[in-house]
Amino acid sequence: MSWIYHDSALEGTVYTTEELEGAFGLRPVADSSLLPVYDEIRQHRAAIALTREMATRKRLVYSPELLRELYLTLVPEEAETKGPLYRKDIPVHRLYFHEISPPDKIAPRLRQLTDWMNSPETRRSTHTVRLAAKAHFRFMQIFPFPRASGKVGRLLMNLVLLRQGYPPAIIHATERQRYYDALKTSSNATASLVADALTASIDSALRYLTSGMAASA
């Protein structure tokens, strides 16, 4: 629930506790007008579950097809789209203002990204946290999909981390401006933000475990 809340807040959508609990089935649906909101939350939850499942696979190959699968879990209505799912323009009114790839460069640059991620040399010479952050940074420079590219990019980042035994790096809503600035700056700035998010996740888990142990003592 926390993952969905903060990740959506980075996109400018702030869910209430009631909306999250309603989507998770923790309270009855009181307002039918909220059903589209519940659907979005449940689709995001399904995409996180898919990411966790992918992280446990014995053999995983990063590919545009894998990214497509994550995207369609977030935006299932796009499954009926004929042809490529990639965006066909550079939108003027958009949330992210860093430079993004022209539409005709999306497919080859995505393939270059996944080839780089799969390379034995990359895995041998690049620390997992830096690989996750750089993969996210490069994906966001491509920004392939007309919707939910940010969410897909962060799922990809966390897939890399989870696969190597790290917790997910959940970038807090209060770090939204820093996150946008990092995407306009460099992969190093993004890596610093991801490292801080991981530290915060571990600290939060330790506090939770410590409080639980204290309560049972």
C-alpha atoms as a PDB file:
ATOM      1  CA  MET A   1       0.000   0.000   0.000  1.00  0.00           C
ATOM      2  CA  SER A   2       2.872   2.345   0.866  1.00  0.00           C
ATOM      3  CA  TRP A   3       4.596   1.485  -2.416  1.00  0.00           C
ATOM      4  CA  ILE A   4       1.490   2.388  -4.415  1.00  0.00           C
ATOM      5  CA  TYR A   5       0.872   5.574  -2.436  1.00  0.00           C
ATOM      6  CA  HIS A   6       4.363   7.022  -2.864  1.00  0.00           C
ATOM      7  CA  ASP A   7       4.892   5.818  -6.414  1.00  0.00           C
ATOM      8  CA  SER A   8       1.573   7.338  -7.510  1.00  0.00           C
ATOM      9  CA  ALA A   9       2.336  10.579  -5.680  1.00  0.00           C
ATOM     10  CA  LEU A  10       5.466  10.917  -7.829  1.00  0.00           C
ATOM     11  CA  GLU A  11       3.061  10.938 -10.786  1.00  0.00           C
ATOM     12  CA  GLY A  12       0.924  13.638  -9.191  1.00  0.00           C
ATOM     13  CA  THR A  13      -1.859  11.313  -7.979  1.00  0.00           C
ATOM     14  CA  VAL A  14      -2.332  11.288  -4.206  1.00  0.00           C
ATOM     15  CA  TYR A  15      -4.642   8.539  -2.972  1.00  0.00           C
ATOM     16  CA  THR A  16      -6.483   8.815   0.328  1.00  0.00           C
ATOM     17  CA  THR A  17      -6.411   6.107   2.967  1.00  0.00           C
ATOM     18  CA  GLU A  18     -10.056   5.379   2.176  1.00  0.00           C
ATOM     19  CA  GLU A  19      -9.303   4.883  -1.518  1.00  0.00           C
ATOM     20  CA  LEU A  20      -6.378   2.580  -0.853  1.00  0.00           C
ATOM     21  CA  GLU A  21      -8.232   0.515   1.733  1.00  0.00           C
ATOM     22  CA  GLY A  22     -11.285   0.289  -0.514  1.00  0.00           C
ATOM     23  CA  ALA A  23      -9.198  -0.964  -3.435  1.00  0.00           C
ATOM     24  CA  PHE A  24      -7.462  -3.485  -1.171  1.00  0.00           C
ATOM     25  CA  GLY A  25     -10.835  -4.769   0.044  1.00  0.00           C
ATOM     26  CA  LEU A  26     -10.282  -3.556   3.586  1.00  0.00           C
ATOM     27  CA  ARG A  27     -13.504  -1.549   3.649  1.00  0.00           C
ATOM     28  CA  PRO A  28     -16.788  -1.749   1.706  1.00  0.00           C
ATOM     29  CA  VAL A  29     -17.294   0.288  -1.456  1.00  0.00           C
ATOM     30  CA  ALA A  30     -19.394   3.256  -0.417  1.00  0.00           C
ATOM     31  CA  ASP A  31     -19.219   5.330  -3.593  1.00  0.00           C
ATOM     32  CA  SER A  32     -19.478   3.747  -7.041  1.00  0.00           C
ATOM     33  CA  SER A  33     -17.803   6.805  -8.582  1.00  0.00           C
ATOM     34  CA  LEU A  34     -14.561   5.602  -6.999  1.00  0.00           C
ATOM     35  CA  LEU A  35     -14.518   2.348  -8.961  1.00  0.00           C
ATOM     36  CA  PRO A  36     -12.150   3.724 -11.654  1.00  0.00           C
ATOM     37  CA  VAL A  37      -9.757   4.793  -8.881  1.00  0.00           C
ATOM     38  CA  TYR A  38      -9.959   1.330  -7.328  1.00  0.00           C
ATOM     39  CA  ASP A  39      -9.197  -0.215 -10.706  1.00  0.00           C
ATOM     40  CA  GLU A  40      -6.043   1.911 -11.098  1.00  0.00           C
ATOM     41  CA  ILE A  41      -4.834   0.938  -7.623  1.00  0.00           C
ATOM     42  CA  ARG A  42      -5.529  -2.752  -8.234  1.00  0.00           C
ATOM     43  CA  GLN A  43      -3.734  -2.663 -11.579  1.00  0.00           C
ATOM     44  CA  HIS A  44      -0.737  -1.067  -9.898  1.00  0.00           C
ATOM     45  CA  ARG A  45      -0.875  -3.740  -7.204  1.00  0.00           C
ATOM     46  CA  ALA A  46      -0.969  -6.444  -9.892  1.00  0.00           C
ATOM     47  CA  ALA A  47       2.073  -4.919 -11.613  1.00  0.00           C
ATOM     48  CA  ILE A  48       3.998  -4.939  -8.319  1.00  0.00           C
ATOM     49  CA  ALA A  49       3.019  -8.585  -7.790  1.00  0.00           C
ATOM     50  CA  LEU A  50       4.209  -9.378 -11.323  1.00  0.00           C
ATOM     51  CA  THR A  51       7.517  -7.625 -10.625  1.00  0.00           C
ATOM     52  CA  ARG A  52       8.001  -9.671  -7.461  1.00  0.00           C
ATOM     53  CA  GLU A  53       7.190 -12.865  -9.363  1.00  0.00           C
ATOM     54  CA  MET A  54       9.620 -11.986 -12.145  1.00  0.00           C
ATOM     55  CA  ALA A  55      12.329 -11.429  -9.541  1.00  0.00           C
ATOM     56  CA  THR A  56      12.040 -15.066  -8.422  1.00  0.00           C
ATOM     57  CA  ARG A  57      12.415 -16.613 -11.881  1.00  0.00           C
ATOM     58  CA  LYS A  58      15.493 -18.803 -12.304  1.00  0.00           C
ATOM     59  CA  ARG A  59      16.272 -17.220 -15.635  1.00  0.00           C
ATOM     60  CA  LEU A  60      15.159 -13.729 -16.537  1.00  0.00           C
ATOM     61  CA  VAL A  61      16.024 -11.864 -19.718  1.00  0.00           C
ATOM     62  CA  TYR A  62      15.403  -8.132 -19.785  1.00  0.00           C
ATOM     63  CA  SER A  63      13.633  -7.251 -23.019  1.00  0.00           C
ATOM     64  CA  PRO A  64      11.163  -4.815 -24.582  1.00  0.00           C
ATOM     65  CA  GLU A  65       8.629  -7.646 -24.314  1.00  0.00           C
ATOM     66  CA  LEU A  66       9.116  -7.799 -20.537  1.00  0.00           C
ATOM     67  CA  LEU A  67       8.565  -4.042 -20.336  1.00  0.00           C
ATOM     68  CA  ARG A  68       5.469  -4.405 -22.482  1.00  0.00           C
ATOM     69  CA  GLU A  69       4.125  -7.001 -20.030  1.00  0.00           C
ATOM     70  CA  LEU A  70       4.610  -4.642 -17.097  1.00  0.00           C
ATOM     71  CA  TYR A  71       2.983  -1.803 -19.033  1.00  0.00           C
ATOM     72  CA  LEU A  72      -0.077  -3.845 -19.992  1.00  0.00           C
ATOM     73  CA  THR A  73      -0.553  -4.928 -16.389  1.00  0.00           C
ATOM     74  CA  LEU A  74      -0.671  -1.271 -15.390  1.00  0.00           C
ATOM     75  CA  VAL A  75      -2.775  -0.220 -18.390  1.00  0.00           C
ATOM     76  CA  PRO A  76      -4.664  -3.369 -19.497  1.00  0.00           C
ATOM     77  CA  GLU A  77      -6.997  -1.476 -21.833  1.00  0.00           C
ATOM     78  CA  GLU A  78      -4.004  -0.842 -24.093  1.00  0.00           C
ATOM     79  CA  ALA A  79      -3.847  -4.571 -24.884  1.00  0.00           C
ATOM     80  CA  GLU A  80      -6.354  -4.040 -27.681  1.00  0.00           C
ATOM     81  CA  THR A  81      -4.094  -1.508 -29.403  1.00  0.00           C
ATOM     82  CA  LYS A  82      -2.921  -2.682 -32.795  1.00  0.00           C
ATOM     83  CA  GLY A  83       0.765  -2.250 -33.549  1.00  0.00           C
ATOM     84  CA  PRO A  84       3.456  -0.918 -31.190  1.00  0.00           C
ATOM     85  CA  LEU A  85       2.392   0.534 -27.862  1.00  0.00           C
ATOM     86  CA  TYR A  86       5.036   3.247 -27.913  1.00  0.00           C
ATOM     87  CA  ARG A  87       4.121   6.917 -27.898  1.00  0.00           C
ATOM     88  CA  LYS A  88       3.891   8.597 -31.287  1.00  0.00           C
ATOM     89  CA  ASP A  89       4.747  12.160 -30.303  1.00  0.00           C
ATOM     90  CA  ILE A  90       6.509  14.301 -27.714  1.00  0.00           C
ATOM     91  CA  PRO A  91       3.670  15.686 -25.603  1.00  0.00           C
ATOM     92  CA  VAL A  92       3.777  19.382 -24.840  1.00  0.00           C
ATOM     93  CA  HIS A  93       1.766  19.087 -21.638  1.00  0.00           C
ATOM     94  CA  ARG A  94       3.508  16.470 -19.542  1.00  0.00           C
ATOM     95  CA  LEU A  95       4.610  15.738 -16.008  1.00  0.00           C
ATOM     96  CA  TYR A  96       8.284  15.099 -16.738  1.00  0.00           C
ATOM     97  CA  PHE A  97      10.328  17.864 -18.358  1.00  0.00           C
ATOM     98  CA  HIS A  98      13.655  16.166 -19.013  1.00  0.00           C
ATOM     99  CA  GLU A  99      14.691  15.398 -22.573  1.00  0.00           C
ATOM    100  CA  ILE A 100      13.042  12.267 -23.995  1.00  0.00           C
ATOM    101  CA  SER A 101      13.631  10.246 -27.154  1.00  0.00           C
ATOM    102  CA  PRO A 102      11.946  11.097 -30.450  1.00  0.00           C
ATOM    103  CA  PRO A 103       9.281   8.468 -31.250  1.00  0.00           C
ATOM    104  CA  ASP A 104      11.313   6.915 -34.075  1.00  0.00           C
ATOM    105  CA  LYS A 105      14.220   6.255 -31.680  1.00  0.00           C
ATOM    106  CA  ILE A 106      12.202   4.528 -28.949  1.00  0.00           C
ATOM    107  CA  ALA A 107      12.352   0.932 -30.215  1.00  0.00           C
ATOM    108  CA  PRO A 108      16.117   0.816 -30.965  1.00  0.00           C
ATOM    109  CA  ARG A 109      17.026   2.603 -27.739  1.00  0.00           C
ATOM    110  CA  LEU A 110      14.911   0.216 -25.668  1.00  0.00           C
ATOM    111  CA  ARG A 111      16.656  -2.712 -27.301  1.00  0.00           C
ATOM    112  CA  GLN A 112      20.049  -1.106 -26.579  1.00  0.00           C
ATOM    113  CA  LEU A 113      19.028  -0.631 -22.946  1.00  0.00           C
ATOM    114  CA  THR A 114      17.938  -4.215 -22.398  1.00  0.00           C
ATOM    115  CA  ASP A 115      20.975  -5.580 -24.250  1.00  0.00           C
ATOM    116  CA  TRP A 116      23.174  -3.512 -21.920  1.00  0.00           C
ATOM    117  CA  MET A 117      21.300  -4.830 -18.865  1.00  0.00           C
ATOM    118  CA  ASN A 118      21.716  -8.437 -20.036  1.00  0.00           C
ATOM    119  CA  SER A 119      25.403  -8.065 -20.826  1.00  0.00           C
ATOM    120  CA  PRO A 120      27.687 -10.217 -18.605  1.00  0.00           C
ATOM    121  CA  GLU A 121      30.187  -7.348 -18.616  1.00  0.00           C
ATOM    122  CA  THR A 122      27.568  -4.939 -17.231  1.00  0.00           C
ATOM    123  CA  ARG A 123      26.634  -7.331 -14.445  1.00  0.00           C
ATOM    124  CA  ARG A 124      30.252  -8.025 -13.625  1.00  0.00           C
ATOM    125  CA  SER A 125      31.406  -4.399 -13.519  1.00  0.00           C
ATOM    126  CA  THR A 126      28.334  -2.562 -12.200  1.00  0.00           C
ATOM    127  CA  HIS A 127      27.042  -2.697  -8.624  1.00  0.00           C
ATOM    128  CA  THR A 128      23.396  -3.754  -8.389  1.00  0.00           C
ATOM    129  CA  VAL A 129      22.191  -0.433  -6.972  1.00  0.00           C
ATOM    130  CA  ARG A 130      23.995   1.537  -9.672  1.00  0.00           C
ATOM    131  CA  LEU A 131      22.739  -0.842 -12.369  1.00  0.00           C
ATOM    132  CA  ALA A 132      19.157  -0.422 -11.153  1.00  0.00           C
ATOM    133  CA  ALA A 133      19.474   3.361 -11.005  1.00  0.00           C
ATOM    134  CA  LYS A 134      21.188   3.656 -14.385  1.00  0.00           C
ATOM    135  CA  ALA A 135      18.644   1.345 -16.023  1.00  0.00           C
ATOM    136  CA  HIS A 136      15.884   3.527 -14.621  1.00  0.00           C
ATOM    137  CA  PHE A 137      17.597   6.726 -15.709  1.00  0.00           C
ATOM    138  CA  ARG A 138      18.129   5.461 -19.274  1.00  0.00           C
ATOM    139  CA  PHE A 139      14.583   4.114 -19.473  1.00  0.00           C
ATOM    140  CA  MET A 140      13.199   7.476 -18.418  1.00  0.00           C
ATOM    141  CA  GLN A 141      15.290   9.241 -21.084  1.00  0.00           C
ATOM    142  CA  ILE A 142      13.555   6.983 -23.611  1.00  0.00           C
ATOM    143  CA  PHE A 143      10.120   7.380 -21.966  1.00  0.00           C
ATOM    144  CA  PRO A 144       8.528   4.867 -24.344  1.00  0.00           C
ATOM    145  CA  PHE A 145       4.860   4.677 -23.426  1.00  0.00           C
ATOM    146  CA  PRO A 146       2.088   7.244 -23.753  1.00  0.00           C
ATOM    147  CA  ARG A 147       1.002   6.445 -20.180  1.00  0.00           C
ATOM    148  CA  ALA A 148       2.650   5.101 -17.024  1.00  0.00           C
ATOM    149  CA  SER A 149       6.261   5.254 -18.291  1.00  0.00           C
ATOM    150  CA  GLY A 150       7.370   6.497 -14.862  1.00  0.00           C
ATOM    151  CA  LYS A 151       5.719   3.591 -13.093  1.00  0.00           C
ATOM    152  CA  VAL A 152       7.155   1.066 -15.541  1.00  0.00           C
ATOM    153  CA  GLY A 153      10.615   2.582 -15.144  1.00  0.00           C
ATOM    154  CA  ARG A 154      10.486   2.306 -11.358  1.00  0.00           C
ATOM    155  CA  LEU A 155       9.179  -1.264 -11.576  1.00  0.00           C
ATOM    156  CA  LEU A 156      12.149  -2.094 -13.801  1.00  0.00           C
ATOM    157  CA  MET A 157      14.491  -0.502 -11.271  1.00  0.00           C
ATOM    158  CA  ASN A 158      12.981  -2.488  -8.419  1.00  0.00           C
ATOM    159  CA  LEU A 159      13.006  -5.698 -10.435  1.00  0.00           C
ATOM    160  CA  VAL A 160      16.796  -5.380 -10.682  1.00  0.00           C
ATOM    161  CA  LEU A 161      17.029  -4.783  -6.926  1.00  0.00           C
ATOM    162  CA  LEU A 162      14.603  -7.506  -5.848  1.00  0.00           C
ATOM    163  CA  ARG A 163      16.288 -10.045  -8.081  1.00  0.00           C
ATOM    164  CA  GLN A 164      19.539  -9.524  -6.191  1.00  0.00           C
ATOM    165  CA  GLY A 165      17.947  -9.718  -2.746  1.00  0.00           C
ATOM    166  CA  TYR A 166      17.527  -5.998  -2.068  1.00  0.00           C
ATOM    167  CA  PRO A 167      14.291  -4.462  -0.787  1.00  0.00           C
ATOM    168  CA  PRO A 168      12.404  -2.218  -3.205  1.00  0.00           C
ATOM    169  CA  ALA A 169      13.581   1.379  -3.425  1.00  0.00           C
ATOM    170  CA  ILE A 170      10.369   3.294  -2.787  1.00  0.00           C
ATOM    171  CA  ILE A 171      11.028   6.950  -3.533  1.00  0.00           C
ATOM    172  CA  HIS A 172       9.072   8.983  -0.994  1.00  0.00           C
ATOM    173  CA  ALA A 173       6.497  11.512  -2.145  1.00  0.00           C
ATOM    174  CA  THR A 174       8.441  14.258  -0.361  1.00  0.00           C
ATOM    175  CA  GLU A 175      11.383  13.538  -2.694  1.00  0.00           C
ATOM    176  CA  ARG A 176       9.321  14.259  -5.809  1.00  0.00           C
ATOM    177  CA  GLN A 177      11.175  17.409  -6.870  1.00  0.00           C
ATOM    178  CA  ARG A 178      14.552  15.844  -6.156  1.00  0.00           C
ATOM    179  CA  TYR A 179      13.519  12.880  -8.311  1.00  0.00           C
ATOM    180  CA  TYR A 180      12.522  15.125 -11.234  1.00  0.00           C
ATOM    181  CA  ASP A 181      15.763  17.084 -10.877  1.00  0.00           C
ATOM    182  CA  ALA A 182      17.821  13.875 -10.863  1.00  0.00           C
ATOM    183  CA  LEU A 183      16.234  12.775 -14.133  1.00  0.00           C
ATOM    184  CA  LYS A 184      17.317  16.088 -15.660  1.00  0.00           C
ATOM    185  CA  THR A 185      20.840  15.783 -14.231  1.00  0.00           C
ATOM    186  CA  SER A 186      22.547  12.383 -14.449  1.00  0.00           C
ATOM    187  CA  SER A 187      22.434   8.701 -13.603  1.00  0.00           C
ATOM    188  CA  ASN A 188      24.752   9.493 -10.660  1.00  0.00           C
ATOM    189  CA  ALA A 189      22.148  11.827  -9.156  1.00  0.00           C
ATOM    190  CA  THR A 190      19.525   9.136  -9.683  1.00  0.00           C
ATOM    191  CA  ALA A 191      21.767   6.514  -8.038  1.00  0.00           C
ATOM    192  CA  SER A 192      22.192   8.752  -4.986  1.00  0.00           C
ATOM    193  CA  LEU A 193      18.430   9.103  -4.680  1.00  0.00           C
ATOM    194  CA  VAL A 194      17.907   5.341  -5.059  1.00  0.00           C
ATOM    195  CA  ALA A 195      20.555   4.601  -2.415  1.00  0.00           C
ATOM    196  CA  ASP A 196      18.816   6.986  -0.009  1.00  0.00           C
ATOM    197  CA  ALA A 197      15.454   5.347  -0.741  1.00  0.00           C
ATOM    198  CA  LEU A 198      16.941   1.923   0.004  1.00  0.00           C
ATOM    199  CA  THR A 199      18.408   3.178   3.273  1.00  0.00           C
ATOM    200  CA  ALA A 200      15.022   4.601   4.264  1.00  0.00           C
ATOM    201  CA  SER A 201      13.310   1.285   3.406  1.00  0.00           C
ATOM    202  CA  ILE A 202      15.760  -0.684   5.547  1.00  0.00           C
ATOM    203  CA  ASP A 203      15.470   1.781   8.448  1.00  0.00           C
ATOM    204  CA  SER A 204      11.678   1.557   8.254  1.00  0.00           C
ATOM    205  CA  ALA A 205      11.784  -2.247   8.278  1.00  0.00           C
ATOM    206  CA  LEU A 206      14.130  -2.268  11.272  1.00  0.00           C
ATOM    207  CA  ARG A 207      11.852   0.101  13.200  1.00  0.00           C
ATOM    208  CA  TYR A 208       8.867  -2.109  12.386  1.00  0.00           C
ATOM    209  CA  LEU A 209      10.659  -5.275  13.524  1.00  0.00           C
ATOM    210  CA  THR A 210      12.002  -3.599  16.657  1.00  0.00           C
ATOM    211  CA  SER A 211       8.559  -2.299  17.639  1.00  0.00           C
ATOM    212  CA  GLY A 212       7.089  -5.749  17.054  1.00  0.00           C
ATOM    213  CA  MET A 213       9.702  -7.399  19.246  1.00  0.00           C
ATOM    214  CA  ALA A 214       9.167  -4.798  21.969  1.00  0.00           C
ATOM    215  CA  ALA A 215       5.396  -5.322  21.884  1.00  0.00           C
ATOM    216  CA  SER A 216       5.754  -9.096  22.260  1.00  0.00           C
ATOM    217  CA  ALA A 217       8.311  -8.868  25.050  1.00  0.00           C
END
